PDB file of all heavy atoms in Angstrom:
ATOM      1  N   VAL A   1      24.016   3.756  10.475  1.00  0.00           N
ATOM      2  CA  VAL A   1      24.491   4.840  11.350  1.00  0.00           C
ATOM      3  C   VAL A   1      23.300   5.627  11.890  1.00  0.00           C
ATOM      4  O   VAL A   1      23.404   6.795  12.214  1.00  0.00           O
ATOM      5  CB  VAL A   1      25.470   5.776  10.600  1.00  0.00           C
ATOM      6  CG1 VAL A   1      26.789   5.073  10.335  1.00  0.00           C
ATOM      7  CG2 VAL A   1      24.850   6.293   9.291  1.00  0.00           C
ATOM      8  N   LYS A   2      22.160   4.938  11.983  1.00  0.00           N
ATOM      9  CA  LYS A   2      20.925   5.566  12.441  1.00  0.00           C
ATOM     10  C   LYS A   2      21.083   6.215  13.808  1.00  0.00           C
ATOM     11  O   LYS A   2      20.473   7.254  14.089  1.00  0.00           O
ATOM     12  CB  LYS A   2      19.815   4.512  12.491  1.00  0.00           C
ATOM     13  CG  LYS A   2      18.436   5.055  12.832  1.00  0.00           C
ATOM     14  CD  LYS A   2      17.859   5.855  11.693  1.00  0.00           C
ATOM     15  CE  LYS A   2      16.424   6.277  11.993  1.00  0.00           C
ATOM     16  NZ  LYS A   2      15.850   7.108  10.922  1.00  0.00           N
ATOM     17  N   ALA A   3      21.900   5.630  14.661  1.00  0.00           N
ATOM     18  CA  ALA A   3      22.088   6.187  16.009  1.00  0.00           C
ATOM     19  C   ALA A   3      22.680   7.585  15.973  1.00  0.00           C
ATOM     20  O   ALA A   3      22.505   8.364  16.915  1.00  0.00           O
ATOM     21  CB  ALA A   3      22.991   5.265  16.833  1.00  0.00           C
ATOM     22  N   TYR A   4      23.368   7.918  14.882  1.00  0.00           N
ATOM     23  CA  TYR A   4      24.057   9.207  14.783  1.00  0.00           C
ATOM     24  C   TYR A   4      23.326  10.208  13.905  1.00  0.00           C
ATOM     25  O   TYR A   4      23.586  11.407  13.991  1.00  0.00           O
ATOM     26  CB  TYR A   4      25.463   9.006  14.212  1.00  0.00           C
ATOM     27  CG  TYR A   4      26.318   8.090  15.052  1.00  0.00           C
ATOM     28  CD1 TYR A   4      26.490   6.760  14.698  1.00  0.00           C
ATOM     29  CD2 TYR A   4      26.941   8.551  16.209  1.00  0.00           C
ATOM     30  CE1 TYR A   4      27.273   5.908  15.478  1.00  0.00           C
ATOM     31  CE2 TYR A   4      27.720   7.715  16.988  1.00  0.00           C
ATOM     32  CZ  TYR A   4      27.878   6.391  16.616  1.00  0.00           C
ATOM     33  OH  TYR A   4      28.642   5.554  17.384  1.00  0.00           O
ATOM     34  N   THR A   5      22.442   9.741  13.053  1.00  0.00           N
ATOM     35  CA  THR A   5      21.840  10.637  12.068  1.00  0.00           C
ATOM     36  C   THR A   5      20.373  10.935  12.364  1.00  0.00           C
ATOM     37  O   THR A   5      19.715  11.598  11.572  1.00  0.00           O
ATOM     38  CB  THR A   5      21.963  10.038  10.653  1.00  0.00           C
ATOM     39  OG1 THR A   5      21.358   8.736  10.624  1.00  0.00           O
ATOM     40  CG2 THR A   5      23.421   9.909  10.246  1.00  0.00           C
ATOM     41  N   SER A   6      19.849  10.447  13.464  1.00  0.00           N
ATOM     42  CA  SER A   6      18.466  10.731  13.845  1.00  0.00           C
ATOM     43  C   SER A   6      18.446  11.745  14.988  1.00  0.00           C
ATOM     44  O   SER A   6      19.436  12.398  15.273  1.00  0.00           O
ATOM     45  CB  SER A   6      17.755   9.436  14.243  1.00  0.00           C
ATOM     46  OG  SER A   6      17.615   8.587  13.113  1.00  0.00           O
ATOM     47  N   SER A   7      17.326  11.813  15.663  1.00  0.00           N
ATOM     48  CA  SER A   7      17.167  12.810  16.728  1.00  0.00           C
ATOM     49  C   SER A   7      17.576  12.268  18.085  1.00  0.00           C
ATOM     50  O   SER A   7      17.222  12.840  19.114  1.00  0.00           O
ATOM     51  CB  SER A   7      15.703  13.268  16.783  1.00  0.00           C
ATOM     52  OG  SER A   7      14.836  12.155  16.990  1.00  0.00           O
ATOM     53  N   TYR A   8      18.294  11.174  18.106  1.00  0.00           N
ATOM     54  CA  TYR A   8      18.733  10.603  19.385  1.00  0.00           C
ATOM     55  C   TYR A   8      19.715  11.552  20.074  1.00  0.00           C
ATOM     56  O   TYR A   8      20.521  12.218  19.431  1.00  0.00           O
ATOM     57  CB  TYR A   8      19.416   9.259  19.164  1.00  0.00           C
ATOM     58  CG  TYR A   8      18.533   8.201  18.572  1.00  0.00           C
ATOM     59  CD1 TYR A   8      18.782   7.701  17.293  1.00  0.00           C
ATOM     60  CD2 TYR A   8      17.450   7.680  19.279  1.00  0.00           C
ATOM     61  CE1 TYR A   8      17.971   6.716  16.738  1.00  0.00           C
ATOM     62  CE2 TYR A   8      16.639   6.709  18.729  1.00  0.00           C
ATOM     63  CZ  TYR A   8      16.897   6.228  17.463  1.00  0.00           C
ATOM     64  OH  TYR A   8      16.102   5.267  16.922  1.00  0.00           O
ATOM     65  N   SER A   9      19.667  11.563  21.392  1.00  0.00           N
ATOM     66  CA  SER A   9      20.630  12.341  22.172  1.00  0.00           C
ATOM     67  C   SER A   9      21.358  11.393  23.109  1.00  0.00           C
ATOM     68  O   SER A   9      20.744  10.515  23.719  1.00  0.00           O
ATOM     69  CB  SER A   9      19.929  13.439  22.973  1.00  0.00           C
ATOM     70  OG  SER A   9      18.957  12.879  23.841  1.00  0.00           O
ATOM     71  N   PHE A  10      22.668  11.545  23.196  1.00  0.00           N
ATOM     72  CA  PHE A  10      23.474  10.683  24.041  1.00  0.00           C
ATOM     73  C   PHE A  10      23.548  11.263  25.451  1.00  0.00           C
ATOM     74  O   PHE A  10      23.571  12.481  25.642  1.00  0.00           O
ATOM     75  CB  PHE A  10      24.885  10.533  23.476  1.00  0.00           C
ATOM     76  CG  PHE A  10      24.937   9.928  22.097  1.00  0.00           C
ATOM     77  CD1 PHE A  10      25.980  10.233  21.229  1.00  0.00           C
ATOM     78  CD2 PHE A  10      23.950   9.059  21.659  1.00  0.00           C
ATOM     79  CE1 PHE A  10      26.041   9.672  19.959  1.00  0.00           C
ATOM     80  CE2 PHE A  10      23.994   8.491  20.394  1.00  0.00           C
ATOM     81  CZ  PHE A  10      25.036   8.799  19.536  1.00  0.00           C
ATOM     82  N   ALA A  11      23.634  10.378  26.429  1.00  0.00           N
ATOM     83  CA  ALA A  11      23.768  10.807  27.818  1.00  0.00           C
ATOM     84  C   ALA A  11      25.104  11.516  28.005  1.00  0.00           C
ATOM     85  O   ALA A  11      26.114  11.134  27.394  1.00  0.00           O
ATOM     86  CB  ALA A  11      23.670   9.604  28.747  1.00  0.00           C
ATOM     87  N   SER A  12      25.111  12.545  28.817  1.00  0.00           N
ATOM     88  CA  SER A  12      26.359  13.244  29.102  1.00  0.00           C
ATOM     89  C   SER A  12      27.194  12.416  30.064  1.00  0.00           C
ATOM     90  O   SER A  12      26.665  11.657  30.879  1.00  0.00           O
ATOM     91  CB  SER A  12      26.079  14.620  29.697  1.00  0.00           C
ATOM     92  OG  SER A  12      25.339  14.492  30.900  1.00  0.00           O
ATOM     93  N   GLY A  13      28.507  12.560  29.946  1.00  0.00           N
ATOM     94  CA  GLY A  13      29.395  11.839  30.842  1.00  0.00           C
ATOM     95  C   GLY A  13      30.147  10.704  30.195  1.00  0.00           C
ATOM     96  O   GLY A  13      30.983  10.062  30.838  1.00  0.00           O
ATOM     97  N   VAL A  14      29.860  10.446  28.906  1.00  0.00           N
ATOM     98  CA  VAL A  14      30.595   9.423  28.172  1.00  0.00           C
ATOM     99  C   VAL A  14      30.874   9.949  26.766  1.00  0.00           C
ATOM    100  O   VAL A  14      30.017  10.570  26.135  1.00  0.00           O
ATOM    101  CB  VAL A  14      29.816   8.088  28.115  1.00  0.00           C
ATOM    102  CG1 VAL A  14      28.492   8.250  27.379  1.00  0.00           C
ATOM    103  CG2 VAL A  14      30.657   6.983  27.480  1.00  0.00           C
ATOM    104  N   HIS A  15      32.093   9.713  26.293  1.00  0.00           N
ATOM    105  CA  HIS A  15      32.455  10.122  24.939  1.00  0.00           C
ATOM    106  C   HIS A  15      32.130   8.991  23.976  1.00  0.00           C
ATOM    107  O   HIS A  15      32.500   7.833  24.223  1.00  0.00           O
ATOM    108  CB  HIS A  15      33.949  10.438  24.856  1.00  0.00           C
ATOM    109  CG  HIS A  15      34.413  10.760  23.467  1.00  0.00           C
ATOM    110  ND1 HIS A  15      33.975  11.865  22.769  1.00  0.00           N
ATOM    111  CD2 HIS A  15      35.284  10.104  22.633  1.00  0.00           C
ATOM    112  CE1 HIS A  15      34.543  11.889  21.581  1.00  0.00           C
ATOM    113  NE2 HIS A  15      35.322  10.832  21.469  1.00  0.00           N
ATOM    114  N   VAL A  16      31.427   9.305  22.887  1.00  0.00           N
ATOM    115  CA  VAL A  16      31.003   8.297  21.918  1.00  0.00           C
ATOM    116  C   VAL A  16      31.773   8.487  20.613  1.00  0.00           C
ATOM    117  O   VAL A  16      31.685   9.536  19.973  1.00  0.00           O
ATOM    118  CB  VAL A  16      29.489   8.383  21.641  1.00  0.00           C
ATOM    119  CG1 VAL A  16      29.080   7.287  20.642  1.00  0.00           C
ATOM    120  CG2 VAL A  16      28.699   8.243  22.934  1.00  0.00           C
ATOM    121  N   ILE A  17      32.528   7.469  20.235  1.00  0.00           N
ATOM    122  CA  ILE A  17      33.236   7.480  18.953  1.00  0.00           C
ATOM    123  C   ILE A  17      32.268   7.001  17.881  1.00  0.00           C
ATOM    124  O   ILE A  17      31.708   5.914  17.991  1.00  0.00           O
ATOM    125  CB  ILE A  17      34.464   6.549  18.991  1.00  0.00           C
ATOM    126  CG1 ILE A  17      35.485   7.044  20.012  1.00  0.00           C
ATOM    127  CG2 ILE A  17      35.111   6.442  17.606  1.00  0.00           C
ATOM    128  CD1 ILE A  17      36.653   6.090  20.221  1.00  0.00           C
ATOM    129  N   PRO A  18      32.029   7.789  16.828  1.00  0.00           N
ATOM    130  CA  PRO A  18      31.113   7.343  15.771  1.00  0.00           C
ATOM    131  C   PRO A  18      31.672   6.122  15.050  1.00  0.00           C
ATOM    132  O   PRO A  18      32.830   6.122  14.627  1.00  0.00           O
ATOM    133  CB  PRO A  18      31.018   8.556  14.840  1.00  0.00           C
ATOM    134  CG  PRO A  18      32.244   9.364  15.122  1.00  0.00           C
ATOM    135  CD  PRO A  18      32.578   9.130  16.562  1.00  0.00           C
ATOM    136  N   ALA A  19      30.848   5.084  14.942  1.00  0.00           N
ATOM    137  CA  ALA A  19      31.341   3.821  14.384  1.00  0.00           C
ATOM    138  C   ALA A  19      30.217   3.069  13.678  1.00  0.00           C
ATOM    139  O   ALA A  19      29.035   3.418  13.786  1.00  0.00           O
ATOM    140  CB  ALA A  19      31.940   2.957  15.495  1.00  0.00           C
ATOM    141  N   ILE A  20      30.615   2.015  12.980  1.00  0.00           N
ATOM    142  CA  ILE A  20      29.681   1.131  12.283  1.00  0.00           C
ATOM    143  C   ILE A  20      30.335  -0.249  12.228  1.00  0.00           C
ATOM    144  O   ILE A  20      31.569  -0.358  12.286  1.00  0.00           O
ATOM    145  CB  ILE A  20      29.380   1.644  10.854  1.00  0.00           C
ATOM    146  CG1 ILE A  20      28.255   0.832  10.197  1.00  0.00           C
ATOM    147  CG2 ILE A  20      30.633   1.609   9.984  1.00  0.00           C
ATOM    148  CD1 ILE A  20      27.790   1.410   8.852  1.00  0.00           C
ATOM    149  N   GLU A  21      29.523  -1.284  12.147  1.00  0.00           N
ATOM    150  CA  GLU A  21      30.037  -2.631  11.897  1.00  0.00           C
ATOM    151  C   GLU A  21      29.465  -3.101  10.567  1.00  0.00           C
ATOM    152  O   GLU A  21      28.258  -3.319  10.448  1.00  0.00           O
ATOM    153  CB  GLU A  21      29.655  -3.605  13.014  1.00  0.00           C
ATOM    154  CG  GLU A  21      30.274  -4.986  12.824  1.00  0.00           C
ATOM    155  CD  GLU A  21      30.061  -5.912  14.016  1.00  0.00           C
ATOM    156  OE1 GLU A  21      29.342  -5.540  14.962  1.00  0.00           O
ATOM    157  OE2 GLU A  21      30.631  -7.024  13.994  1.00  0.00           O
ATOM    158  N   MET A  22      30.332  -3.231   9.577  1.00  0.00           N
ATOM    159  CA  MET A  22      29.903  -3.575   8.228  1.00  0.00           C
ATOM    160  C   MET A  22      30.041  -5.074   7.998  1.00  0.00           C
ATOM    161  O   MET A  22      30.923  -5.727   8.550  1.00  0.00           O
ATOM    162  CB  MET A  22      30.714  -2.784   7.199  1.00  0.00           C
ATOM    163  CG  MET A  22      30.533  -1.285   7.348  1.00  0.00           C
ATOM    164  SD  MET A  22      31.588  -0.293   6.241  1.00  0.00           S
ATOM    165  CE  MET A  22      30.738  -0.530   4.685  1.00  0.00           C
ATOM    166  N   SER A  23      29.141  -5.600   7.173  1.00  0.00           N
ATOM    167  CA  SER A  23      29.069  -7.047   6.940  1.00  0.00           C
ATOM    168  C   SER A  23      29.704  -7.425   5.616  1.00  0.00           C
ATOM    169  O   SER A  23      29.358  -6.881   4.562  1.00  0.00           O
ATOM    170  CB  SER A  23      27.610  -7.502   6.942  1.00  0.00           C
ATOM    171  OG  SER A  23      26.972  -7.163   8.146  1.00  0.00           O
ATOM    172  N   SER A  24      30.627  -8.365   5.671  1.00  0.00           N
ATOM    173  CA  SER A  24      31.235  -8.906   4.471  1.00  0.00           C
ATOM    174  C   SER A  24      31.403 -10.414   4.650  1.00  0.00           C
ATOM    175  O   SER A  24      30.842 -10.996   5.582  1.00  0.00           O
ATOM    176  CB  SER A  24      32.584  -8.221   4.188  1.00  0.00           C
ATOM    177  OG  SER A  24      33.090  -8.613   2.930  1.00  0.00           O
TER     178      SER A  24
END
């Protein structure tokens, strides 16, 4: 979930649902 927990900033104009793809 590095994209959500670091200093990244998302572009305005799109809603981002926090997600992950887990491996099994």
